[in-house]
């Protein structure tokens, strides 16, 4: 394990790092060290809230695209 990965794994993530981790999870890409850090030190409330917000935004984007494509 590299030094920066070890530091990343042992430090508590900031709010924006947790939001970024949730976004990367939606895309299906993330480092193992980031995942371990999130499960060890992350606040589940932030992950859950961000997940709901991301899901809502995704649904709204899909609905918007469908309404643009289909004739009124």
PDB file of N, CA and C in Angstrom:
ATOM      1  N   UNK A   1       0.853  -1.176   0.000  1.00  0.00           N
ATOM      2  CA  UNK A   1       0.000   0.000   0.000  1.00  0.00           C
ATOM      3  C   UNK A   1       0.895   1.234   0.000  1.00  0.00           C
ATOM      4  N   UNK A   2       0.539   2.191  -0.843  1.00  0.00           N
ATOM      5  CA  UNK A   2       1.316   3.417  -0.903  1.00  0.00           C
ATOM      6  C   UNK A   2       1.021   4.281   0.304  1.00  0.00           C
ATOM      7  N   UNK A   3       1.928   5.231   0.543  1.00  0.00           N
ATOM      8  CA  UNK A   3       1.801   6.098   1.716  1.00  0.00           C
ATOM      9  C   UNK A   3       0.541   6.953   1.658  1.00  0.00           C
ATOM     10  N   UNK A   4       0.253   7.542   0.487  1.00  0.00           N
ATOM     11  CA  UNK A   4      -0.932   8.400   0.386  1.00  0.00           C
ATOM     12  C   UNK A   4      -2.227   7.608   0.543  1.00  0.00           C
ATOM     13  N   UNK A   5      -2.246   6.354   0.098  1.00  0.00           N
ATOM     14  CA  UNK A   5      -3.424   5.513   0.298  1.00  0.00           C
ATOM     15  C   UNK A   5      -3.611   5.177   1.766  1.00  0.00           C
ATOM     16  N   UNK A   6      -2.497   4.954   2.479  1.00  0.00           N
ATOM     17  CA  UNK A   6      -2.581   4.658   3.908  1.00  0.00           C
ATOM     18  C   UNK A   6      -3.096   5.870   4.673  1.00  0.00           C
ATOM     19  N   UNK A   7      -2.629   7.062   4.313  1.00  0.00           N
ATOM     20  CA  UNK A   7      -3.113   8.280   4.963  1.00  0.00           C
ATOM     21  C   UNK A   7      -4.589   8.505   4.655  1.00  0.00           C
ATOM     22  N   UNK A   8      -4.981   8.247   3.410  1.00  0.00           N
ATOM     23  CA  UNK A   8      -6.372   8.411   3.013  1.00  0.00           C
ATOM     24  C   UNK A   8      -7.270   7.465   3.800  1.00  0.00           C
ATOM     25  N   UNK A   9      -6.804   6.252   4.006  1.00  0.00           N
ATOM     26  CA  UNK A   9      -7.597   5.240   4.698  1.00  0.00           C
ATOM     27  C   UNK A   9      -7.737   5.540   6.186  1.00  0.00           C
ATOM     28  N   UNK A  10      -6.735   6.154   6.803  1.00  0.00           N
ATOM     29  CA  UNK A  10      -6.737   6.375   8.246  1.00  0.00           C
ATOM     30  C   UNK A  10      -7.299   7.724   8.660  1.00  0.00           C
ATOM     31  N   UNK A  11      -7.638   8.579   7.716  1.00  0.00           N
ATOM     32  CA  UNK A  11      -8.161   9.895   8.075  1.00  0.00           C
ATOM     33  C   UNK A  11      -9.672   9.933   7.859  1.00  0.00           C
ATOM     34  N   UNK A  12     -10.339  10.707   8.696  1.00  0.00           N
ATOM     35  CA  UNK A  12     -11.787  10.857   8.558  1.00  0.00           C
ATOM     36  C   UNK A  12     -12.084  11.742   7.354  1.00  0.00           C
ATOM     37  N   UNK A  13     -13.036  11.358   6.516  1.00  0.00           N
ATOM     38  CA  UNK A  13     -13.340  12.157   5.326  1.00  0.00           C
ATOM     39  C   UNK A  13     -14.104  13.427   5.674  1.00  0.00           C
ATOM     40  N   UNK A  14     -13.846  14.470   4.900  1.00  0.00           N
ATOM     41  CA  UNK A  14     -14.606  15.710   5.072  1.00  0.00           C
ATOM     42  C   UNK A  14     -15.991  15.531   4.439  1.00  0.00           C
ATOM     43  N   UNK A  15     -16.858  16.501   4.663  1.00  0.00           N
ATOM     44  CA  UNK A  15     -18.209  16.443   4.097  1.00  0.00           C
ATOM     45  C   UNK A  15     -18.150  16.310   2.580  1.00  0.00           C
ATOM     46  N   UNK A  16     -17.322  17.127   1.937  1.00  0.00           N
ATOM     47  CA  UNK A  16     -17.256  17.114   0.475  1.00  0.00           C
ATOM     48  C   UNK A  16     -16.623  15.841  -0.050  1.00  0.00           C
ATOM     49  N   UNK A  17     -15.712  15.236   0.713  1.00  0.00           N
ATOM     50  CA  UNK A  17     -15.151  13.950   0.303  1.00  0.00           C
ATOM     51  C   UNK A  17     -16.221  12.861   0.347  1.00  0.00           C
ATOM     52  N   UNK A  18     -17.111  12.938   1.341  1.00  0.00           N
ATOM     53  CA  UNK A  18     -18.200  11.964   1.418  1.00  0.00           C
ATOM     54  C   UNK A  18     -19.185  12.158   0.270  1.00  0.00           C
ATOM     55  N   UNK A  19     -19.463  13.414  -0.082  1.00  0.00           N
ATOM     56  CA  UNK A  19     -20.335  13.690  -1.224  1.00  0.00           C
ATOM     57  C   UNK A  19     -19.682  13.158  -2.501  1.00  0.00           C
ATOM     58  N   UNK A  20     -18.386  13.409  -2.653  1.00  0.00           N
ATOM     59  CA  UNK A  20     -17.664  12.902  -3.819  1.00  0.00           C
ATOM     60  C   UNK A  20     -17.664  11.388  -3.888  1.00  0.00           C
ATOM     61  N   UNK A  21     -17.521  10.731  -2.751  1.00  0.00           N
ATOM     62  CA  UNK A  21     -17.557   9.272  -2.711  1.00  0.00           C
ATOM     63  C   UNK A  21     -18.914   8.747  -3.159  1.00  0.00           C
ATOM     64  N   UNK A  22     -19.970   9.430  -2.746  1.00  0.00           N
ATOM     65  CA  UNK A  22     -21.312   9.012  -3.155  1.00  0.00           C
ATOM     66  C   UNK A  22     -21.495   9.177  -4.656  1.00  0.00           C
ATOM     67  N   UNK A  23     -20.986  10.280  -5.197  1.00  0.00           N
ATOM     68  CA  UNK A  23     -21.092  10.507  -6.642  1.00  0.00           C
ATOM     69  C   UNK A  23     -20.313   9.446  -7.418  1.00  0.00           C
ATOM     70  N   UNK A  24     -19.125   9.120  -6.952  1.00  0.00           N
ATOM     71  CA  UNK A  24     -18.337   8.086  -7.613  1.00  0.00           C
ATOM     72  C   UNK A  24     -19.022   6.730  -7.521  1.00  0.00           C
ATOM     73  N   UNK A  25     -19.694   6.474  -6.413  1.00  0.00           N
ATOM     74  CA  UNK A  25     -20.424   5.216  -6.263  1.00  0.00           C
ATOM     75  C   UNK A  25     -21.575   5.130  -7.260  1.00  0.00           C
ATOM     76  N   UNK A  26     -22.232   6.248  -7.531  1.00  0.00           N
ATOM     77  CA  UNK A  26     -23.298   6.260  -8.532  1.00  0.00           C
ATOM     78  C   UNK A  26     -22.747   5.900  -9.904  1.00  0.00           C
ATOM     79  N   UNK A  27     -21.514   6.309 -10.176  1.00  0.00           N
ATOM     80  CA  UNK A  27     -20.889   5.988 -11.458  1.00  0.00           C
ATOM     81  C   UNK A  27     -20.265   4.601 -11.467  1.00  0.00           C
ATOM     82  N   UNK A  28     -20.100   4.016 -10.288  1.00  0.00           N
ATOM     83  CA  UNK A  28     -19.535   2.673 -10.192  1.00  0.00           C
ATOM     84  C   UNK A  28     -18.020   2.646 -10.193  1.00  0.00           C
ATOM     85  N   UNK A  29     -17.386   3.771  -9.910  1.00  0.00           N
ATOM     86  CA  UNK A  29     -15.931   3.816  -9.858  1.00  0.00           C
ATOM     87  C   UNK A  29     -15.488   4.382  -8.515  1.00  0.00           C
ATOM     88  N   UNK A  30     -14.583   3.692  -7.873  1.00  0.00           N
ATOM     89  CA  UNK A  30     -14.040   4.168  -6.605  1.00  0.00           C
ATOM     90  C   UNK A  30     -12.849   3.301  -6.232  1.00  0.00           C
ATOM     91  N   UNK A  31     -11.932   3.879  -5.488  1.00  0.00           N
ATOM     92  CA  UNK A  31     -10.771   3.131  -5.024  1.00  0.00           C
ATOM     93  C   UNK A  31     -11.139   2.306  -3.801  1.00  0.00           C
ATOM     94  N   UNK A  32     -10.468   1.202  -3.644  1.00  0.00           N
ATOM     95  CA  UNK A  32     -10.682   0.350  -2.470  1.00  0.00           C
ATOM     96  C   UNK A  32     -10.331   1.101  -1.191  1.00  0.00           C
ATOM     97  N   UNK A  33      -9.260   1.895  -1.227  1.00  0.00           N
ATOM     98  CA  UNK A  33      -8.857   2.643  -0.033  1.00  0.00           C
ATOM     99  C   UNK A  33      -9.916   3.680   0.352  1.00  0.00           C
ATOM    100  N   UNK A  34     -10.546   4.290  -0.643  1.00  0.00           N
ATOM    101  CA  UNK A  34     -11.609   5.267  -0.368  1.00  0.00           C
ATOM    102  C   UNK A  34     -12.820   4.566   0.247  1.00  0.00           C
ATOM    103  N   UNK A  35     -13.162   3.402  -0.285  1.00  0.00           N
ATOM    104  CA  UNK A  35     -14.298   2.649   0.244  1.00  0.00           C
ATOM    105  C   UNK A  35     -14.058   2.241   1.688  1.00  0.00           C
ATOM    106  N   UNK A  36     -12.855   1.764   1.984  1.00  0.00           N
ATOM    107  CA  UNK A  36     -12.524   1.374   3.362  1.00  0.00           C
ATOM    108  C   UNK A  36     -12.603   2.575   4.300  1.00  0.00           C
ATOM    109  N   UNK A  37     -12.057   3.709   3.865  1.00  0.00           N
ATOM    110  CA  UNK A  37     -12.098   4.914   4.688  1.00  0.00           C
ATOM    111  C   UNK A  37     -13.532   5.331   4.969  1.00  0.00           C
ATOM    112  N   UNK A  38     -14.359   5.287   3.937  1.00  0.00           N
ATOM    113  CA  UNK A  38     -15.750   5.698   4.101  1.00  0.00           C
ATOM    114  C   UNK A  38     -16.492   4.802   5.086  1.00  0.00           C
ATOM    115  N   UNK A  39     -16.258   3.499   5.015  1.00  0.00           N
ATOM    116  CA  UNK A  39     -16.948   2.585   5.925  1.00  0.00           C
ATOM    117  C   UNK A  39     -16.418   2.681   7.350  1.00  0.00           C
ATOM    118  N   UNK A  40     -15.141   3.022   7.505  1.00  0.00           N
ATOM    119  CA  UNK A  40     -14.562   3.103   8.850  1.00  0.00           C
ATOM    120  C   UNK A  40     -14.848   4.440   9.521  1.00  0.00           C
ATOM    121  N   UNK A  41     -14.769   5.531   8.777  1.00  0.00           N
ATOM    122  CA  UNK A  41     -14.820   6.858   9.392  1.00  0.00           C
ATOM    123  C   UNK A  41     -15.984   7.726   8.930  1.00  0.00           C
ATOM    124  N   UNK A  42     -16.680   7.326   7.886  1.00  0.00           N
ATOM    125  CA  UNK A  42     -17.715   8.184   7.313  1.00  0.00           C
ATOM    126  C   UNK A  42     -18.984   8.236   8.147  1.00  0.00           C
ATOM    127  N   UNK A  43     -19.720   9.320   7.973  1.00  0.00           N
ATOM    128  CA  UNK A  43     -20.999   9.508   8.653  1.00  0.00           C
ATOM    129  C   UNK A  43     -22.103   8.960   7.749  1.00  0.00           C
ATOM    130  N   UNK A  44     -22.807   7.913   8.170  1.00  0.00           N
ATOM    131  CA  UNK A  44     -23.814   7.310   7.296  1.00  0.00           C
ATOM    132  C   UNK A  44     -24.943   8.268   6.910  1.00  0.00           C
ATOM    133  N   UNK A  45     -25.265   9.223   7.773  1.00  0.00           N
ATOM    134  CA  UNK A  45     -26.341  10.165   7.459  1.00  0.00           C
ATOM    135  C   UNK A  45     -26.014  10.980   6.207  1.00  0.00           C
ATOM    136  N   UNK A  46     -24.757  11.378   6.066  1.00  0.00           N
ATOM    137  CA  UNK A  46     -24.355  12.162   4.890  1.00  0.00           C
ATOM    138  C   UNK A  46     -24.453  11.306   3.633  1.00  0.00           C
ATOM    139  N   UNK A  47     -24.012  10.054   3.719  1.00  0.00           N
ATOM    140  CA  UNK A  47     -24.077   9.168   2.558  1.00  0.00           C
ATOM    141  C   UNK A  47     -25.524   8.901   2.154  1.00  0.00           C
ATOM    142  N   UNK A  48     -26.394   8.672   3.126  1.00  0.00           N
ATOM    143  CA  UNK A  48     -27.799   8.391   2.836  1.00  0.00           C
ATOM    144  C   UNK A  48     -28.474   9.617   2.227  1.00  0.00           C
ATOM    145  N   UNK A  49     -28.266  10.782   2.827  1.00  0.00           N
ATOM    146  CA  UNK A  49     -28.875  12.012   2.306  1.00  0.00           C
ATOM    147  C   UNK A  49     -28.371  12.314   0.901  1.00  0.00           C
ATOM    148  N   UNK A  50     -27.074  12.193   0.687  1.00  0.00           N
ATOM    149  CA  UNK A  50     -26.507  12.455  -0.639  1.00  0.00           C
ATOM    150  C   UNK A  50     -27.033  11.447  -1.652  1.00  0.00           C
ATOM    151  N   UNK A  51     -27.172  10.199  -1.239  1.00  0.00           N
ATOM    152  CA  UNK A  51     -27.717   9.171  -2.128  1.00  0.00           C
ATOM    153  C   UNK A  51     -29.140   9.480  -2.558  1.00  0.00           C
ATOM    154  N   UNK A  52     -29.979   9.914  -1.614  1.00  0.00           N
ATOM    155  CA  UNK A  52     -31.356  10.282  -1.959  1.00  0.00           C
ATOM    156  C   UNK A  52     -31.390  11.482  -2.902  1.00  0.00           C
ATOM    157  N   UNK A  53     -30.552  12.464  -2.636  1.00  0.00           N
ATOM    158  CA  UNK A  53     -30.506  13.652  -3.498  1.00  0.00           C
ATOM    159  C   UNK A  53     -30.049  13.274  -4.899  1.00  0.00           C
ATOM    160  N   UNK A  54     -29.011  12.444  -4.994  1.00  0.00           N
ATOM    161  CA  UNK A  54     -28.507  12.015  -6.301  1.00  0.00           C
ATOM    162  C   UNK A  54     -29.559  11.203  -7.055  1.00  0.00           C
ATOM    163  N   UNK A  55     -30.267  10.322  -6.362  1.00  0.00           N
ATOM    164  CA  UNK A  55     -31.315   9.524  -7.010  1.00  0.00           C
ATOM    165  C   UNK A  55     -32.435  10.434  -7.516  1.00  0.00           C
ATOM    166  N   UNK A  56     -32.838  11.410  -6.704  1.00  0.00           N
ATOM    167  CA  UNK A  56     -33.881  12.354  -7.108  1.00  0.00           C
ATOM    168  C   UNK A  56     -33.450  13.147  -8.343  1.00  0.00           C
ATOM    169  N   UNK A  57     -32.217  13.653  -8.330  1.00  0.00           N
ATOM    170  CA  UNK A  57     -31.720  14.412  -9.479  1.00  0.00           C
ATOM    171  C   UNK A  57     -31.654  13.550 -10.733  1.00  0.00           C
ATOM    172  N   UNK A  58     -31.233  12.305 -10.578  1.00  0.00           N
ATOM    173  CA  UNK A  58     -31.171  11.388 -11.714  1.00  0.00           C
ATOM    174  C   UNK A  58     -32.562  11.179 -12.311  1.00  0.00           C
ATOM    175  N   UNK A  59     -33.549  10.952 -11.461  1.00  0.00           N
ATOM    176  CA  UNK A  59     -34.916  10.745 -11.933  1.00  0.00           C
ATOM    177  C   UNK A  59     -35.431  11.999 -12.637  1.00  0.00           C
ATOM    178  N   UNK A  60     -35.157  13.175 -12.081  1.00  0.00           N
ATOM    179  CA  UNK A  60     -35.610  14.421 -12.702  1.00  0.00           C
ATOM    180  C   UNK A  60     -34.949  14.637 -14.063  1.00  0.00           C
ATOM    181  N   UNK A  61     -33.675  14.298 -14.187  1.00  0.00           N
ATOM    182  CA  UNK A  61     -32.977  14.434 -15.471  1.00  0.00           C
ATOM    183  C   UNK A  61     -33.584  13.485 -16.497  1.00  0.00           C
ATOM    184  N   UNK A  62     -33.855  12.247 -16.101  1.00  0.00           N
ATOM    185  CA  UNK A  62     -34.461  11.284 -17.030  1.00  0.00           C
ATOM    186  C   UNK A  62     -35.843  11.767 -17.469  1.00  0.00           C
ATOM    187  N   UNK A  63     -36.647  12.238 -16.536  1.00  0.00           N
ATOM    188  CA  UNK A  63     -37.977  12.757 -16.888  1.00  0.00           C
ATOM    189  C   UNK A  63     -37.849  13.950 -17.837  1.00  0.00           C
ATOM    190  N   UNK A  64     -36.911  14.844 -17.567  1.00  0.00           N
ATOM    191  CA  UNK A  64     -36.697  15.996 -18.439  1.00  0.00           C
ATOM    192  C   UNK A  64     -36.286  15.598 -19.843  1.00  0.00           C
ATOM    193  N   UNK A  65     -35.394  14.628 -19.962  1.00  0.00           N
ATOM    194  CA  UNK A  65     -34.951  14.163 -21.281  1.00  0.00           C
ATOM    195  C   UNK A  65     -36.106  13.514 -22.031  1.00  0.00           C
ATOM    196  N   UNK A  66     -36.886  12.697 -21.340  1.00  0.00           N
ATOM    197  CA  UNK A  66     -38.030  12.042 -21.982  1.00  0.00           C
ATOM    198  C   UNK A  66     -39.026  13.080 -22.484  1.00  0.00           C
ATOM    199  N   UNK A  67     -39.286  14.110 -21.706  1.00  0.00           N
ATOM    200  CA  UNK A  67     -40.234  15.141 -22.135  1.00  0.00           C
ATOM    201  C   UNK A  67     -39.698  15.954 -23.313  1.00  0.00           C
ATOM    202  N   UNK A  68     -38.386  16.112 -23.390  1.00  0.00           N
ATOM    203  CA  UNK A  68     -37.803  16.810 -24.541  1.00  0.00           C
ATOM    204  C   UNK A  68     -37.889  15.966 -25.807  1.00  0.00           C
ATOM    205  N   UNK A  69     -37.719  14.667 -25.664  1.00  0.00           N
ATOM    206  CA  UNK A  69     -37.679  13.778 -26.824  1.00  0.00           C
ATOM    207  C   UNK A  69     -39.078  13.474 -27.350  1.00  0.00           C
ATOM    208  N   UNK A  70     -40.010  13.193 -26.467  1.00  0.00           N
ATOM    209  CA  UNK A  70     -41.365  12.849 -26.904  1.00  0.00           C
ATOM    210  C   UNK A  70     -42.139  14.105 -27.285  1.00  0.00           C
ATOM    211  N   UNK A  71     -42.905  14.007 -28.346  1.00  0.00           N
ATOM    212  CA  UNK A  71     -43.720  15.169 -28.731  1.00  0.00           C
ATOM    213  C   UNK A  71     -44.810  15.432 -27.696  1.00  0.00           C
ATOM    214  N   UNK A  72     -45.084  16.724 -27.465  1.00  0.00           N
ATOM    215  CA  UNK A  72     -45.985  17.185 -26.436  1.00  0.00           C
ATOM    216  C   UNK A  72     -47.393  16.762 -26.588  1.00  0.00           C
TER     217      UNK A  72
END
